[in-house]
Amino acid sequence: MAPIQLPVNRPGESIFAGGARISELRSAPRSSDCQGEDWIASTTCCFGTDAIGYSRLPDGTLLREAVTSEPDKWLGPQHNAKYGPDTKLLVKLLDASQRLPVHAHPHVDWARKHLRRSHGKAEAWYILTSGSVWLGLTEDVDERELLELVQSERGAELLPKMHRFDVQPHQTLYVPPGTLHAIGEGVMVVEVQEPEDLSILCEWVGHNVDGKKDGHLGLGFPVALTGVNNRGWTREQVERCWVKNESDHAQSVFANDSREYFRMERLAVKGQVTTQRGFAVLIVLEGKMSLRTEKSESISIGKGSTVVIPYEDGDMHLDGEGEVLIARPPL
């Protein structure tokens, strides 16, 4: 096995306008103004579909099938013993030229009960461009009030009741399951999440989605909104999700509470750098370098490259100059 460079994987149209900067970073054209996501090393399909969203390897094999057929080689025996043939991970590039609607993603317990899914959708953002994002309510919102706001298509009224963060590149925000959130216009992020596509929309007017039809996971809003945390957070509580990452190297760029779901490290490459073995998804944000592993020849990668690396390959060695992010499953 060897590190595998992956092409752009845009799963249809996003519910928001965006994607131009993904095209620039990845040197890949987009077919519409609403292609704001690139799903990297995806073993996840879009909700309500059978196959849209899966990543394919250069030989045409679905990554999902490759991992399932040889889980010890891809994920490692310890991971496979603990989690089974499950990468536990989905990485995305997300570029918003329109503010995303206010929405939330459920906890695994809720998803298992209502949808028979094996994951919820905790997520975290690594900020690439400055702007504003919103996370968590500043005050409690009564369940009946929340349902009324959503069903009357007044979900935008939730935004002033949410904590706003003015973010800069390299900062991160962790979004716990069930937490209302929205990414602002002009913000681009690398998103790491549990491998599910589960969104509960509280807003959709002006966006590329019929929320009355597709905003409640097929459950109806009275049930779907039970997956949303309607309790207020203090500023101190919500800022525990915010990490400013002022160092060039960080073994974990996200808040500590995220580590039960996923991990991500940031490396500033100046010369030779070695990082530990394990299933990993690597994104080159800047620069040019070579990548080799204990069991593979060197390959050239540069700004915009995305690479999936199997456990079997051993430690990774980077040589050059630039900046990379490496996403990994939980321990």
Foldseek 3Di string as FASTA:
>chain_A
DWKAWFAFQQQPFAFAFWDPVLCVQQVHDDDDRGRFKTKFCAPAAAQPDDDRPFTATPVRHTSLVVLLVPVCFFFNPVCCVVPNSFQLKIKMKGWHQAKDAWKFKFAQVLCCVPPVDRGIKKKKWQWDAWDKKWKFFQAFDDLVRLLVCQVVQNLVVRRVRTDMDGDHGRKMFTHGHQMIMMDHRGIITIMMIGNYNGMAGSHRVPTNDDCQVPRQSPPGVNSSNVRHDRGRDHPVVRCLRMARPPDQWDFFNTRPVCQQRKGKIKHFADFKDKDWAGWKKKAFQADKKWKAFCAGDIDIDGRSIIITGGRNRTMMMIGGGGMMMIMGGHD
